[in-house]
Amino acid sequence: NRIEDETARFLFFLQPVRGEMPDVPMPEDDWPDEDSQEGDD
């Protein structure tokens, strides 16, 4: 019963998004390397 209820609840609150998926940056692109200097751009 809980499986049915929770599945219906999740699907009811699901909000579909239309259009293309935006680019998600890779984790290595998010952070500067530990070796890089503070002011190095």
PDB file of all heavy atoms in Angstrom:
ATOM      1  N   ASN A   1       0.826  -1.210   0.000  1.00  0.00           N
ATOM      2  CA  ASN A   1       0.000   0.000   0.000  1.00  0.00           C
ATOM      3  C   ASN A   1       0.858   1.258   0.000  1.00  0.00           C
ATOM      4  O   ASN A   1       0.555   2.228  -0.703  1.00  0.00           O
ATOM      5  CB  ASN A   1      -0.942   0.000   1.210  1.00  0.00           C
ATOM      6  CG  ASN A   1      -2.007  -1.067   1.105  1.00  0.00           C
ATOM      7  OD1 ASN A   1      -2.347  -1.510   0.013  1.00  0.00           O
ATOM      8  ND2 ASN A   1      -2.517  -1.502   2.237  1.00  0.00           N
ATOM      9  N   ARG A   2       1.945   1.251   0.784  1.00  0.00           N
ATOM     10  CA  ARG A   2       2.831   2.422   0.813  1.00  0.00           C
ATOM     11  C   ARG A   2       3.516   2.643  -0.530  1.00  0.00           C
ATOM     12  O   ARG A   2       3.708   3.774  -0.956  1.00  0.00           O
ATOM     13  CB  ARG A   2       3.882   2.258   1.917  1.00  0.00           C
ATOM     14  CG  ARG A   2       3.374   2.581   3.299  1.00  0.00           C
ATOM     15  CD  ARG A   2       4.517   2.709   4.288  1.00  0.00           C
ATOM     16  NE  ARG A   2       5.478   1.626   4.242  1.00  0.00           N
ATOM     17  CZ  ARG A   2       5.406   0.506   4.939  1.00  0.00           C
ATOM     18  NH1 ARG A   2       4.396   0.298   5.768  1.00  0.00           N
ATOM     19  NH2 ARG A   2       6.347  -0.417   4.839  1.00  0.00           N
ATOM     20  N   ILE A   3       3.877   1.549  -1.209  1.00  0.00           N
ATOM     21  CA  ILE A   3       4.506   1.677  -2.532  1.00  0.00           C
ATOM     22  C   ILE A   3       3.542   2.369  -3.497  1.00  0.00           C
ATOM     23  O   ILE A   3       3.919   3.309  -4.204  1.00  0.00           O
ATOM     24  CB  ILE A   3       4.937   0.296  -3.077  1.00  0.00           C
ATOM     25  CG1 ILE A   3       6.147  -0.218  -2.311  1.00  0.00           C
ATOM     26  CG2 ILE A   3       5.259   0.373  -4.568  1.00  0.00           C
ATOM     27  CD1 ILE A   3       6.521  -1.652  -2.639  1.00  0.00           C
ATOM     28  N   GLU A   4       2.296   1.917  -3.509  1.00  0.00           N
ATOM     29  CA  GLU A   4       1.309   2.525  -4.406  1.00  0.00           C
ATOM     30  C   GLU A   4       1.066   3.984  -4.054  1.00  0.00           C
ATOM     31  O   GLU A   4       1.037   4.851  -4.937  1.00  0.00           O
ATOM     32  CB  GLU A   4       0.000   1.741  -4.339  1.00  0.00           C
ATOM     33  CG  GLU A   4       0.083   0.363  -4.941  1.00  0.00           C
ATOM     34  CD  GLU A   4      -1.184  -0.449  -4.706  1.00  0.00           C
ATOM     35  OE1 GLU A   4      -2.159   0.094  -4.156  1.00  0.00           O
ATOM     36  OE2 GLU A   4      -1.188  -1.628  -5.095  1.00  0.00           O
ATOM     37  N   ASP A   5       0.912   4.281  -2.757  1.00  0.00           N
ATOM     38  CA  ASP A   5       0.644   5.659  -2.331  1.00  0.00           C
ATOM     39  C   ASP A   5       1.805   6.590  -2.667  1.00  0.00           C
ATOM     40  O   ASP A   5       1.611   7.685  -3.214  1.00  0.00           O
ATOM     41  CB  ASP A   5       0.365   5.717  -0.824  1.00  0.00           C
ATOM     42  CG  ASP A   5      -0.940   5.036  -0.456  1.00  0.00           C
ATOM     43  OD1 ASP A   5      -1.757   4.788  -1.374  1.00  0.00           O
ATOM     44  OD2 ASP A   5      -1.137   4.749   0.736  1.00  0.00           O
ATOM     45  N   GLU A   6       3.021   6.164  -2.329  1.00  0.00           N
ATOM     46  CA  GLU A   6       4.179   7.035  -2.566  1.00  0.00           C
ATOM     47  C   GLU A   6       4.453   7.216  -4.048  1.00  0.00           C
ATOM     48  O   GLU A   6       4.827   8.302  -4.481  1.00  0.00           O
ATOM     49  CB  GLU A   6       5.409   6.491  -1.850  1.00  0.00           C
ATOM     50  CG  GLU A   6       5.359   6.705  -0.363  1.00  0.00           C
ATOM     51  CD  GLU A   6       6.675   6.377   0.312  1.00  0.00           C
ATOM     52  OE1 GLU A   6       7.701   6.317  -0.384  1.00  0.00           O
ATOM     53  OE2 GLU A   6       6.661   6.199   1.534  1.00  0.00           O
ATOM     54  N   THR A   7       4.263   6.172  -4.840  1.00  0.00           N
ATOM     55  CA  THR A   7       4.468   6.305  -6.287  1.00  0.00           C
ATOM     56  C   THR A   7       3.469   7.303  -6.864  1.00  0.00           C
ATOM     57  O   THR A   7       3.837   8.187  -7.642  1.00  0.00           O
ATOM     58  CB  THR A   7       4.323   4.941  -6.982  1.00  0.00           C
ATOM     59  OG1 THR A   7       5.254   4.026  -6.404  1.00  0.00           O
ATOM     60  CG2 THR A   7       4.575   5.056  -8.468  1.00  0.00           C
ATOM     61  N   ALA A   8       2.219   7.184  -6.473  1.00  0.00           N
ATOM     62  CA  ALA A   8       1.199   8.124  -6.960  1.00  0.00           C
ATOM     63  C   ALA A   8       1.500   9.544  -6.492  1.00  0.00           C
ATOM     64  O   ALA A   8       1.353  10.508  -7.255  1.00  0.00           O
ATOM     65  CB  ALA A   8      -0.180   7.691  -6.477  1.00  0.00           C
ATOM     66  N   ARG A   9       1.960   9.687  -5.241  1.00  0.00           N
ATOM     67  CA  ARG A   9       2.270  11.023  -4.719  1.00  0.00           C
ATOM     68  C   ARG A   9       3.429  11.647  -5.487  1.00  0.00           C
ATOM     69  O   ARG A   9       3.370  12.808  -5.892  1.00  0.00           O
ATOM     70  CB  ARG A   9       2.610  10.935  -3.228  1.00  0.00           C
ATOM     71  CG  ARG A   9       2.848  12.282  -2.575  1.00  0.00           C
ATOM     72  CD  ARG A   9       3.002  12.148  -1.079  1.00  0.00           C
ATOM     73  NE  ARG A   9       4.067  11.256  -0.689  1.00  0.00           N
ATOM     74  CZ  ARG A   9       5.325  11.635  -0.493  1.00  0.00           C
ATOM     75  NH1 ARG A   9       5.667  12.880  -0.660  1.00  0.00           N
ATOM     76  NH2 ARG A   9       6.234  10.760  -0.125  1.00  0.00           N
ATOM     77  N   PHE A  10       4.492  10.868  -5.738  1.00  0.00           N
ATOM     78  CA  PHE A  10       5.640  11.388  -6.477  1.00  0.00           C
ATOM     79  C   PHE A  10       5.242  11.777  -7.898  1.00  0.00           C
ATOM     80  O   PHE A  10       5.662  12.806  -8.412  1.00  0.00           O
ATOM     81  CB  PHE A  10       6.769  10.358  -6.515  1.00  0.00           C
ATOM     82  CG  PHE A  10       7.719  10.476  -5.367  1.00  0.00           C
ATOM     83  CD1 PHE A  10       7.407   9.951  -4.133  1.00  0.00           C
ATOM     84  CD2 PHE A  10       8.944  11.116  -5.520  1.00  0.00           C
ATOM     85  CE1 PHE A  10       8.266  10.054  -3.067  1.00  0.00           C
ATOM     86  CE2 PHE A  10       9.817  11.229  -4.465  1.00  0.00           C
ATOM     87  CZ  PHE A  10       9.484  10.698  -3.229  1.00  0.00           C
ATOM     88  N   LEU A  11       4.438  10.920  -8.549  1.00  0.00           N
ATOM     89  CA  LEU A  11       4.029  11.224  -9.921  1.00  0.00           C
ATOM     90  C   LEU A  11       3.090  12.425  -9.970  1.00  0.00           C
ATOM     91  O   LEU A  11       3.105  13.196 -10.930  1.00  0.00           O
ATOM     92  CB  LEU A  11       3.359  10.004 -10.556  1.00  0.00           C
ATOM     93  CG  LEU A  11       4.308   8.860 -10.900  1.00  0.00           C
ATOM     94  CD1 LEU A  11       3.528   7.639 -11.346  1.00  0.00           C
ATOM     95  CD2 LEU A  11       5.299   9.283 -11.956  1.00  0.00           C
ATOM     96  N   PHE A  12       2.276  12.592  -8.942  1.00  0.00           N
ATOM     97  CA  PHE A  12       1.368  13.727  -8.905  1.00  0.00           C
ATOM     98  C   PHE A  12       2.128  15.046  -8.799  1.00  0.00           C
ATOM     99  O   PHE A  12       1.770  16.036  -9.429  1.00  0.00           O
ATOM    100  CB  PHE A  12       0.404  13.582  -7.722  1.00  0.00           C
ATOM    101  CG  PHE A  12      -0.597  14.697  -7.624  1.00  0.00           C
ATOM    102  CD1 PHE A  12      -1.653  14.775  -8.517  1.00  0.00           C
ATOM    103  CD2 PHE A  12      -0.473  15.676  -6.660  1.00  0.00           C
ATOM    104  CE1 PHE A  12      -2.576  15.798  -8.442  1.00  0.00           C
ATOM    105  CE2 PHE A  12      -1.389  16.708  -6.571  1.00  0.00           C
ATOM    106  CZ  PHE A  12      -2.446  16.776  -7.461  1.00  0.00           C
ATOM    107  N   PHE A  13       3.189  15.065  -8.013  1.00  0.00           N
ATOM    108  CA  PHE A  13       3.961  16.288  -7.825  1.00  0.00           C
ATOM    109  C   PHE A  13       5.072  16.465  -8.863  1.00  0.00           C
ATOM    110  O   PHE A  13       5.821  17.435  -8.806  1.00  0.00           O
ATOM    111  CB  PHE A  13       4.563  16.338  -6.423  1.00  0.00           C
ATOM    112  CG  PHE A  13       3.537  16.593  -5.363  1.00  0.00           C
ATOM    113  CD1 PHE A  13       3.259  15.627  -4.406  1.00  0.00           C
ATOM    114  CD2 PHE A  13       2.830  17.782  -5.328  1.00  0.00           C
ATOM    115  CE1 PHE A  13       2.310  15.859  -3.430  1.00  0.00           C
ATOM    116  CE2 PHE A  13       1.874  18.013  -4.353  1.00  0.00           C
ATOM    117  CZ  PHE A  13       1.612  17.056  -3.401  1.00  0.00           C
ATOM    118  N   LEU A  14       5.184  15.542  -9.798  1.00  0.00           N
ATOM    119  CA  LEU A  14       6.207  15.637 -10.831  1.00  0.00           C
ATOM    120  C   LEU A  14       5.921  16.819 -11.744  1.00  0.00           C
ATOM    121  O   LEU A  14       4.783  17.014 -12.193  1.00  0.00           O
ATOM    122  CB  LEU A  14       6.231  14.346 -11.654  1.00  0.00           C
ATOM    123  CG  LEU A  14       7.278  14.253 -12.741  1.00  0.00           C
ATOM    124  CD1 LEU A  14       8.669  14.154 -12.127  1.00  0.00           C
ATOM    125  CD2 LEU A  14       7.006  13.044 -13.609  1.00  0.00           C
ATOM    126  N   GLN A  15       6.930  17.622 -12.005  1.00  0.00           N
ATOM    127  CA  GLN A  15       6.769  18.769 -12.890  1.00  0.00           C
ATOM    128  C   GLN A  15       7.691  18.591 -14.089  1.00  0.00           C
ATOM    129  O   GLN A  15       8.903  18.795 -13.989  1.00  0.00           O
ATOM    130  CB  GLN A  15       7.112  20.062 -12.158  1.00  0.00           C
ATOM    131  CG  GLN A  15       6.176  20.361 -11.020  1.00  0.00           C
ATOM    132  CD  GLN A  15       6.529  21.643 -10.306  1.00  0.00           C
ATOM    133  OE1 GLN A  15       7.512  22.289 -10.622  1.00  0.00           O
ATOM    134  NE2 GLN A  15       5.716  22.006  -9.342  1.00  0.00           N
ATOM    135  N   PRO A  16       7.127  18.212 -15.234  1.00  0.00           N
ATOM    136  CA  PRO A  16       7.970  18.011 -16.408  1.00  0.00           C
ATOM    137  C   PRO A  16       8.533  19.334 -16.918  1.00  0.00           C
ATOM    138  O   PRO A  16       7.907  20.381 -16.811  1.00  0.00           O
ATOM    139  CB  PRO A  16       7.033  17.364 -17.427  1.00  0.00           C
ATOM    140  CG  PRO A  16       5.661  17.701 -16.967  1.00  0.00           C
ATOM    141  CD  PRO A  16       5.726  17.922 -15.496  1.00  0.00           C
ATOM    142  N   VAL A  17       9.720  19.289 -17.489  1.00  0.00           N
ATOM    143  CA  VAL A  17      10.375  20.466 -18.042  1.00  0.00           C
ATOM    144  C   VAL A  17      10.479  20.253 -19.545  1.00  0.00           C
ATOM    145  O   VAL A  17      10.890  19.192 -20.005  1.00  0.00           O
ATOM    146  CB  VAL A  17      11.775  20.647 -17.416  1.00  0.00           C
ATOM    147  CG1 VAL A  17      12.480  21.832 -18.024  1.00  0.00           C
ATOM    148  CG2 VAL A  17      11.668  20.783 -15.916  1.00  0.00           C
ATOM    149  N   ARG A  18      10.122  21.262 -20.291  1.00  0.00           N
ATOM    150  CA  ARG A  18      10.204  21.151 -21.748  1.00  0.00           C
ATOM    151  C   ARG A  18      11.437  21.865 -22.242  1.00  0.00           C
ATOM    152  O   ARG A  18      11.942  22.772 -21.623  1.00  0.00           O
ATOM    153  CB  ARG A  18       8.969  21.765 -22.384  1.00  0.00           C
ATOM    154  CG  ARG A  18       7.747  20.981 -21.994  1.00  0.00           C
ATOM    155  CD  ARG A  18       6.565  21.439 -22.728  1.00  0.00           C
ATOM    156  NE  ARG A  18       5.444  20.617 -22.275  1.00  0.00           N
ATOM    157  CZ  ARG A  18       4.330  20.504 -22.901  1.00  0.00           C
ATOM    158  NH1 ARG A  18       4.142  21.156 -24.007  1.00  0.00           N
ATOM    159  NH2 ARG A  18       3.379  19.745 -22.438  1.00  0.00           N
ATOM    160  N   GLY A  19      11.883  21.476 -23.385  1.00  0.00           N
ATOM    161  CA  GLY A  19      13.038  22.129 -23.990  1.00  0.00           C
ATOM    162  C   GLY A  19      14.282  21.278 -23.801  1.00  0.00           C
ATOM    163  O   GLY A  19      14.250  20.166 -23.304  1.00  0.00           O
ATOM    164  N   GLU A  20      15.411  21.854 -24.230  1.00  0.00           N
ATOM    165  CA  GLU A  20      16.674  21.144 -24.138  1.00  0.00           C
ATOM    166  C   GLU A  20      17.203  21.175 -22.727  1.00  0.00           C
ATOM    167  O   GLU A  20      16.961  22.105 -21.981  1.00  0.00           O
ATOM    168  CB  GLU A  20      17.707  21.793 -25.053  1.00  0.00           C
ATOM    169  CG  GLU A  20      17.576  21.386 -26.491  1.00  0.00           C
ATOM    170  CD  GLU A  20      18.746  21.886 -27.295  1.00  0.00           C
ATOM    171  OE1 GLU A  20      19.873  21.893 -26.766  1.00  0.00           O
ATOM    172  OE2 GLU A  20      18.525  22.267 -28.438  1.00  0.00           O
ATOM    173  N   MET A  21      17.960  20.149 -22.402  1.00  0.00           N
ATOM    174  CA  MET A  21      18.628  20.116 -21.099  1.00  0.00           C
ATOM    175  C   MET A  21      19.798  21.084 -21.160  1.00  0.00           C
ATOM    176  O   MET A  21      20.580  21.054 -22.103  1.00  0.00           O
ATOM    177  CB  MET A  21      19.161  18.706 -20.810  1.00  0.00           C
ATOM    178  CG  MET A  21      18.104  17.683 -20.556  1.00  0.00           C
ATOM    179  SD  MET A  21      17.534  17.694 -18.875  1.00  0.00           S
ATOM    180  CE  MET A  21      19.001  17.211 -18.010  1.00  0.00           C
ATOM    181  N   PRO A  22      19.945  21.965 -20.169  1.00  0.00           N
ATOM    182  CA  PRO A  22      21.084  22.868 -20.176  1.00  0.00           C
ATOM    183  C   PRO A  22      22.369  22.098 -19.902  1.00  0.00           C
ATOM    184  O   PRO A  22      22.341  21.004 -19.344  1.00  0.00           O
ATOM    185  CB  PRO A  22      20.780  23.854 -19.039  1.00  0.00           C
ATOM    186  CG  PRO A  22      19.776  23.182 -18.193  1.00  0.00           C
ATOM    187  CD  PRO A  22      19.053  22.214 -19.073  1.00  0.00           C
ATOM    188  N   ASP A  23      23.485  22.684 -20.322  1.00  0.00           N
ATOM    189  CA  ASP A  23      24.781  22.048 -20.100  1.00  0.00           C
ATOM    190  C   ASP A  23      25.080  22.011 -18.609  1.00  0.00           C
ATOM    191  O   ASP A  23      24.956  23.008 -17.912  1.00  0.00           O
ATOM    192  CB  ASP A  23      25.900  22.818 -20.805  1.00  0.00           C
ATOM    193  CG  ASP A  23      25.793  22.668 -22.313  1.00  0.00           C
ATOM    194  OD1 ASP A  23      25.215  21.656 -22.754  1.00  0.00           O
ATOM    195  OD2 ASP A  23      26.284  23.553 -23.033  1.00  0.00           O
ATOM    196  N   VAL A  24      25.465  20.843 -18.141  1.00  0.00           N
ATOM    197  CA  VAL A  24      25.853  20.692 -16.740  1.00  0.00           C
ATOM    198  C   VAL A  24      27.368  20.637 -16.709  1.00  0.00           C
ATOM    199  O   VAL A  24      27.970  19.789 -17.374  1.00  0.00           O
ATOM    200  CB  VAL A  24      25.253  19.392 -16.143  1.00  0.00           C
ATOM    201  CG1 VAL A  24      25.689  19.218 -14.711  1.00  0.00           C
ATOM    202  CG2 VAL A  24      23.750  19.416 -16.261  1.00  0.00           C
ATOM    203  N   PRO A  25      28.022  21.559 -15.972  1.00  0.00           N
ATOM    204  CA  PRO A  25      29.485  21.542 -15.962  1.00  0.00           C
ATOM    205  C   PRO A  25      30.005  20.299 -15.253  1.00  0.00           C
ATOM    206  O   PRO A  25      29.384  19.808 -14.309  1.00  0.00           O
ATOM    207  CB  PRO A  25      29.856  22.803 -15.183  1.00  0.00           C
ATOM    208  CG  PRO A  25      28.665  23.122 -14.367  1.00  0.00           C
ATOM    209  CD  PRO A  25      27.486  22.620 -15.141  1.00  0.00           C
ATOM    210  N   MET A  26      31.105  19.787 -15.714  1.00  0.00           N
ATOM    211  CA  MET A  26      31.732  18.636 -15.099  1.00  0.00           C
ATOM    212  C   MET A  26      32.391  19.076 -13.797  1.00  0.00           C
ATOM    213  O   MET A  26      32.802  20.227 -13.671  1.00  0.00           O
ATOM    214  CB  MET A  26      32.784  18.043 -16.044  1.00  0.00           C
ATOM    215  CG  MET A  26      32.190  17.503 -17.331  1.00  0.00           C
ATOM    216  SD  MET A  26      30.925  16.261 -17.069  1.00  0.00           S
ATOM    217  CE  MET A  26      31.928  14.931 -16.499  1.00  0.00           C
ATOM    218  N   PRO A  27      32.516  18.196 -12.806  1.00  0.00           N
ATOM    219  CA  PRO A  27      33.091  18.583 -11.532  1.00  0.00           C
ATOM    220  C   PRO A  27      34.500  19.163 -11.654  1.00  0.00           C
ATOM    221  O   PRO A  27      34.855  20.080 -10.952  1.00  0.00           O
ATOM    222  CB  PRO A  27      33.127  17.282 -10.729  1.00  0.00           C
ATOM    223  CG  PRO A  27      32.066  16.438 -11.341  1.00  0.00           C
ATOM    224  CD  PRO A  27      32.001  16.842 -12.774  1.00  0.00           C
ATOM    225  N   GLU A  28      35.308  18.639 -12.585  1.00  0.00           N
ATOM    226  CA  GLU A  28      36.660  19.183 -12.711  1.00  0.00           C
ATOM    227  C   GLU A  28      36.645  20.586 -13.308  1.00  0.00           C
ATOM    228  O   GLU A  28      37.600  21.334 -13.157  1.00  0.00           O
ATOM    229  CB  GLU A  28      37.571  18.254 -13.521  1.00  0.00           C
ATOM    230  CG  GLU A  28      37.116  17.984 -14.939  1.00  0.00           C
ATOM    231  CD  GLU A  28      36.235  16.759 -15.033  1.00  0.00           C
ATOM    232  OE1 GLU A  28      35.908  16.165 -14.007  1.00  0.00           O
ATOM    233  OE2 GLU A  28      35.867  16.390 -16.161  1.00  0.00           O
ATOM    234  N   ASP A  29      35.550  20.972 -14.012  1.00  0.00           N
ATOM    235  CA  ASP A  29      35.447  22.326 -14.538  1.00  0.00           C
ATOM    236  C   ASP A  29      35.029  23.321 -13.461  1.00  0.00           C
ATOM    237  O   ASP A  29      35.292  24.502 -13.568  1.00  0.00           O
ATOM    238  CB  ASP A  29      34.418  22.388 -15.670  1.00  0.00           C
ATOM    239  CG  ASP A  29      34.888  21.624 -16.895  1.00  0.00           C
ATOM    240  OD1 ASP A  29      36.102  21.367 -16.982  1.00  0.00           O
ATOM    241  OD2 ASP A  29      34.046  21.291 -17.730  1.00  0.00           O
ATOM    242  N   ASP A  30      34.366  22.841 -12.402  1.00  0.00           N
ATOM    243  CA  ASP A  30      33.855  23.733 -11.373  1.00  0.00           C
ATOM    244  C   ASP A  30      34.941  24.288 -10.470  1.00  0.00           C
ATOM    245  O   ASP A  30      34.865  25.413 -10.021  1.00  0.00           O
ATOM    246  CB  ASP A  30      32.838  23.005 -10.486  1.00  0.00           C
ATOM    247  CG  ASP A  30      31.524  22.802 -11.209  1.00  0.00           C
ATOM    248  OD1 ASP A  30      31.367  23.373 -12.304  1.00  0.00           O
ATOM    249  OD2 ASP A  30      30.676  22.080 -10.678  1.00  0.00           O
ATOM    250  N   TRP A  31      35.933  23.491 -10.164  1.00  0.00           N
ATOM    251  CA  TRP A  31      36.914  23.881  -9.158  1.00  0.00           C
ATOM    252  C   TRP A  31      38.281  24.070  -9.811  1.00  0.00           C
ATOM    253  O   TRP A  31      38.695  23.289 -10.648  1.00  0.00           O
ATOM    254  CB  TRP A  31      37.041  22.803  -8.087  1.00  0.00           C
ATOM    255  CG  TRP A  31      35.752  22.488  -7.459  1.00  0.00           C
ATOM    256  CD1 TRP A  31      34.976  21.399  -7.711  1.00  0.00           C
ATOM    257  CD2 TRP A  31      35.045  23.255  -6.498  1.00  0.00           C
ATOM    258  NE1 TRP A  31      33.842  21.434  -6.960  1.00  0.00           N
ATOM    259  CE2 TRP A  31      33.861  22.577  -6.198  1.00  0.00           C
ATOM    260  CE3 TRP A  31      35.292  24.464  -5.851  1.00  0.00           C
ATOM    261  CZ2 TRP A  31      32.934  23.047  -5.295  1.00  0.00           C
ATOM    262  CZ3 TRP A  31      34.374  24.927  -4.945  1.00  0.00           C
ATOM    263  CH2 TRP A  31      33.213  24.226  -4.678  1.00  0.00           C
ATOM    264  N   PRO A  32      38.996  25.098  -9.370  1.00  0.00           N
ATOM    265  CA  PRO A  32      40.365  25.232  -9.863  1.00  0.00           C
ATOM    266  C   PRO A  32      41.226  24.142  -9.236  1.00  0.00           C
ATOM    267  O   PRO A  32      40.907  23.609  -8.178  1.00  0.00           O
ATOM    268  CB  PRO A  32      40.793  26.624  -9.387  1.00  0.00           C
ATOM    269  CG  PRO A  32      39.852  26.981  -8.302  1.00  0.00           C
ATOM    270  CD  PRO A  32      38.589  26.207  -8.537  1.00  0.00           C
ATOM    271  N   ASP A  33      42.310  23.800  -9.922  1.00  0.00           N
ATOM    272  CA  ASP A  33      43.206  22.778  -9.395  1.00  0.00           C
ATOM    273  C   ASP A  33      43.830  23.253  -8.101  1.00  0.00           C
ATOM    274  O   ASP A  33      43.976  24.441  -7.848  1.00  0.00           O
ATOM    275  CB  ASP A  33      44.328  22.466 -10.398  1.00  0.00           C
ATOM    276  CG  ASP A  33      43.766  21.803 -11.647  1.00  0.00           C
ATOM    277  OD1 ASP A  33      42.668  21.215 -11.548  1.00  0.00           O
ATOM    278  OD2 ASP A  33      44.423  21.886 -12.693  1.00  0.00           O
ATOM    279  N   GLU A  34      44.254  22.290  -7.252  1.00  0.00           N
ATOM    280  CA  GLU A  34      44.910  22.651  -6.008  1.00  0.00           C
ATOM    281  C   GLU A  34      46.251  23.309  -6.288  1.00  0.00           C
ATOM    282  O   GLU A  34      46.740  24.097  -5.498  1.00  0.00           O
ATOM    283  CB  GLU A  34      45.122  21.396  -5.151  1.00  0.00           C
ATOM    284  CG  GLU A  34      43.848  20.881  -4.543  1.00  0.00           C
ATOM    285  CD  GLU A  34      44.116  19.695  -3.643  1.00  0.00           C
ATOM    286  OE1 GLU A  34      45.171  19.675  -2.972  1.00  0.00           O
ATOM    287  OE2 GLU A  34      43.267  18.801  -3.603  1.00  0.00           O
ATOM    288  N   ASP A  35      46.867  22.961  -7.431  1.00  0.00           N
ATOM    289  CA  ASP A  35      48.181  23.502  -7.751  1.00  0.00           C
ATOM    290  C   ASP A  35      48.107  24.934  -8.270  1.00  0.00           C
ATOM    291  O   ASP A  35      49.098  25.655  -8.237  1.00  0.00           O
ATOM    292  CB  ASP A  35      48.869  22.636  -8.821  1.00  0.00           C
ATOM    293  CG  ASP A  35      49.001  21.199  -8.338  1.00  0.00           C
ATOM    294  OD1 ASP A  35      49.038  21.003  -7.101  1.00  0.00           O
ATOM    295  OD2 ASP A  35      49.059  20.305  -9.184  1.00  0.00           O
ATOM    296  N   SER A  36      46.928  25.354  -8.776  1.00  0.00           N
ATOM    297  CA  SER A  36      46.848  26.679  -9.384  1.00  0.00           C
ATOM    298  C   SER A  36      46.891  27.762  -8.329  1.00  0.00           C
ATOM    299  O   SER A  36      46.479  27.585  -7.197  1.00  0.00           O
ATOM    300  CB  SER A  36      45.556  26.801 -10.207  1.00  0.00           C
ATOM    301  OG  SER A  36      44.446  26.766  -9.343  1.00  0.00           O
ATOM    302  N   GLN A  37      47.424  28.931  -8.705  1.00  0.00           N
ATOM    303  CA  GLN A  37      47.560  30.082  -7.798  1.00  0.00           C
ATOM    304  C   GLN A  37      46.214  30.763  -7.673  1.00  0.00           C
ATOM    305  O   GLN A  37      45.326  30.617  -8.482  1.00  0.00           O
ATOM    306  CB  GLN A  37      48.569  31.091  -8.358  1.00  0.00           C
ATOM    307  CG  GLN A  37      50.082  30.864  -8.210  1.00  0.00           C
ATOM    308  CD  GLN A  37      50.480  29.473  -7.825  1.00  0.00           C
ATOM    309  OE1 GLN A  37      49.694  28.814  -7.463  1.00  0.00           O
ATOM    310  NE2 GLN A  37      51.661  29.002  -7.888  1.00  0.00           N
ATOM    311  N   GLU A  38      46.068  31.579  -6.604  1.00  0.00           N
ATOM    312  CA  GLU A  38      44.811  32.281  -6.328  1.00  0.00           C
ATOM    313  C   GLU A  38      44.462  33.244  -7.459  1.00  0.00           C
ATOM    314  O   GLU A  38      43.329  33.335  -7.877  1.00  0.00           O
ATOM    315  CB  GLU A  38      44.950  33.043  -5.001  1.00  0.00           C
ATOM    316  CG  GLU A  38      43.725  33.810  -4.624  1.00  0.00           C
ATOM    317  CD  GLU A  38      43.092  33.228  -3.387  1.00  0.00           C
ATOM    318  OE1 GLU A  38      43.638  32.301  -2.802  1.00  0.00           O
ATOM    319  OE2 GLU A  38      42.029  33.722  -3.019  1.00  0.00           O
ATOM    320  N   GLY A  39      45.408  33.984  -7.947  1.00  0.00           N
ATOM    321  CA  GLY A  39      45.109  34.995  -8.949  1.00  0.00           C
ATOM    322  C   GLY A  39      45.223  34.490 -10.369  1.00  0.00           C
ATOM    323  O   GLY A  39      45.114  35.273 -11.306  1.00  0.00           O
ATOM    324  N   ASP A  40      45.486  33.245 -10.567  1.00  0.00           N
ATOM    325  CA  ASP A  40      45.679  32.697 -11.900  1.00  0.00           C
ATOM    326  C   ASP A  40      44.334  32.463 -12.550  1.00  0.00           C
ATOM    327  O   ASP A  40      43.563  31.632 -12.129  1.00  0.00           O
ATOM    328  CB  ASP A  40      46.458  31.377 -11.798  1.00  0.00           C
ATOM    329  CG  ASP A  40      46.801  30.826 -13.163  1.00  0.00           C
ATOM    330  OD1 ASP A  40      46.773  31.600 -14.129  1.00  0.00           O
ATOM    331  OD2 ASP A  40      47.096  29.622 -13.237  1.00  0.00           O
ATOM    332  N   ASP A  41      44.031  33.213 -13.611  1.00  0.00           N
ATOM    333  CA  ASP A  41      42.766  33.066 -14.323  1.00  0.00           C
ATOM    334  C   ASP A  41      42.957  32.390 -15.673  1.00  0.00           C
ATOM    335  O   ASP A  41      42.051  32.371 -16.485  1.00  0.00           O
ATOM    336  CB  ASP A  41      42.111  34.447 -14.557  1.00  0.00           C
ATOM    337  CG  ASP A  41      41.554  34.997 -13.254  1.00  0.00           C
ATOM    338  OD1 ASP A  41      41.306  34.189 -12.342  1.00  0.00           O
ATOM    339  OD2 ASP A  41      41.376  36.224 -13.165  1.00  0.00           O
TER     340      ASP A  41
END
